[in-house]
Amino acid sequence: MQYITSVERIGIQQGMQQGMQQGMQQGMQQGQQQGQAELLLRLLNRRFTTVSPRLAERVRRVPSDEMPGLLDIALTAATLDEVAAAVETILADSGSVVV
């Protein structure tokens, strides 16, 4: 059985706390991004009737900080193709792999 010193124990506890905080932060960011994407997809479905599964998947990849601009485009676009083009531009600019 291996013994650890109080300094090691404190280090382990601090590491665990930091890991939990980072995990919670990342989870909240992912949840926010997913919520924004689903709201945008709902808007697109109401405006343009049908959003393809491919476009829906692409919208879900848009970074959270790009969503407000994409929402503006979705509100003013005349066609769904305009929105799709904006999504592709955002993903290309953000370095996401185009599939």
Protein backbone atom coordinates (compact mmCIF):
# COMPACT_ATOMS: atom_id res chain seq x y z
CA MET A 1 0.00 0.00 0.00
CA GLN A 2 1.43 3.33 -1.09
CA TYR A 3 1.15 6.38 1.16
CA ILE A 4 0.84 9.91 -0.16
CA THR A 5 1.87 13.07 1.59
CA SER A 6 -0.53 15.87 2.46
CA VAL A 7 1.05 17.99 -0.29
CA GLU A 8 0.40 15.24 -2.83
CA ARG A 9 -3.17 14.86 -1.53
CA ILE A 10 -3.77 18.61 -1.91
CA GLY A 11 -2.34 18.51 -5.44
CA ILE A 12 -4.58 15.60 -6.36
CA GLN A 13 -7.64 17.37 -4.96
CA GLN A 14 -6.82 20.59 -6.78
CA GLY A 15 -6.28 18.68 -10.01
CA MET A 16 -9.61 16.92 -9.63
CA GLN A 17 -11.42 20.20 -8.91
CA GLN A 18 -9.83 21.88 -11.90
CA GLY A 19 -10.76 18.95 -14.12
CA MET A 20 -14.36 19.02 -12.92
CA GLN A 21 -14.60 22.78 -13.49
CA GLN A 22 -13.19 22.47 -16.99
CA GLY A 23 -15.57 19.62 -17.74
CA MET A 24 -18.56 21.60 -16.51
CA GLN A 25 -17.49 24.66 -18.53
CA GLN A 26 -17.08 22.60 -21.68
CA GLY A 27 -20.43 20.89 -21.11
CA MET A 28 -22.19 24.23 -20.69
CA GLN A 29 -20.62 25.59 -23.88
CA GLN A 30 -21.63 22.51 -25.84
CA GLY A 31 -25.16 22.70 -24.45
CA GLN A 32 -25.44 26.36 -25.41
CA GLN A 33 -24.18 25.67 -28.94
CA GLN A 34 -26.61 22.77 -29.36
CA GLY A 35 -29.52 24.88 -28.12
CA GLN A 36 -28.67 27.68 -30.52
CA ALA A 37 -28.41 25.25 -33.44
CA GLU A 38 -31.77 23.64 -32.64
CA LEU A 39 -33.45 27.04 -32.35
CA LEU A 40 -32.00 28.13 -35.69
CA LEU A 41 -33.13 24.87 -37.32
CA ARG A 42 -36.62 25.40 -35.96
CA LEU A 43 -36.67 28.88 -37.49
CA LEU A 44 -35.43 27.53 -40.83
CA ASN A 45 -38.07 24.81 -40.85
CA ARG A 46 -40.79 27.41 -40.22
CA ARG A 47 -39.53 29.81 -42.90
CA PHE A 48 -38.56 27.33 -45.59
CA THR A 49 -40.67 24.26 -44.74
CA THR A 50 -37.96 21.60 -45.01
CA VAL A 51 -34.29 21.60 -44.01
CA SER A 52 -32.24 18.73 -45.40
CA PRO A 53 -30.51 16.40 -42.95
CA ARG A 54 -27.16 17.49 -44.42
CA LEU A 55 -27.85 21.18 -43.80
CA ALA A 56 -29.11 20.41 -40.30
CA GLU A 57 -25.88 18.55 -39.54
CA ARG A 58 -23.83 21.45 -40.92
CA VAL A 59 -25.77 24.00 -38.82
CA ARG A 60 -25.02 21.92 -35.73
CA ARG A 61 -21.29 22.32 -36.48
CA VAL A 62 -21.39 26.13 -36.56
CA PRO A 63 -19.43 27.58 -33.63
CA SER A 64 -21.52 29.25 -30.95
CA ASP A 65 -19.92 32.65 -31.49
CA GLU A 66 -21.01 32.57 -35.15
CA MET A 67 -24.66 31.78 -34.40
CA PRO A 68 -25.92 35.38 -33.93
CA GLY A 69 -24.67 36.35 -37.40
CA LEU A 70 -26.13 33.20 -38.92
CA LEU A 71 -29.45 33.92 -37.22
CA ASP A 72 -29.48 37.38 -38.83
CA ILE A 73 -28.88 35.77 -42.21
CA ALA A 74 -31.63 33.20 -41.59
CA LEU A 75 -34.09 35.98 -40.74
CA THR A 76 -33.39 37.98 -43.89
CA ALA A 77 -32.47 35.35 -46.50
CA ALA A 78 -34.82 34.98 -49.45
CA THR A 79 -33.97 31.30 -49.93
CA LEU A 80 -32.68 28.39 -47.94
CA ASP A 81 -29.77 28.20 -50.39
CA GLU A 82 -28.58 31.60 -49.11
CA VAL A 83 -28.52 30.23 -45.57
CA ALA A 84 -26.75 27.06 -46.70
CA ALA A 85 -24.08 29.13 -48.47
CA ALA A 86 -23.57 31.22 -45.33
CA VAL A 87 -23.21 28.06 -43.23
CA GLU A 88 -20.57 26.69 -45.60
CA THR A 89 -18.67 30.00 -45.53
CA ILE A 90 -18.73 30.07 -41.73
CA LEU A 91 -17.52 26.49 -41.49
CA ALA A 92 -14.77 27.08 -44.02
CA ASP A 93 -13.63 30.22 -42.18
CA SER A 94 -13.68 28.44 -38.83
CA GLY A 95 -11.58 25.56 -40.15
CA SER A 96 -14.29 22.88 -39.98
CA VAL A 97 -13.82 20.06 -42.43
CA VAL A 98 -16.35 20.12 -45.26
CA VAL A 99 -17.90 16.70 -45.78
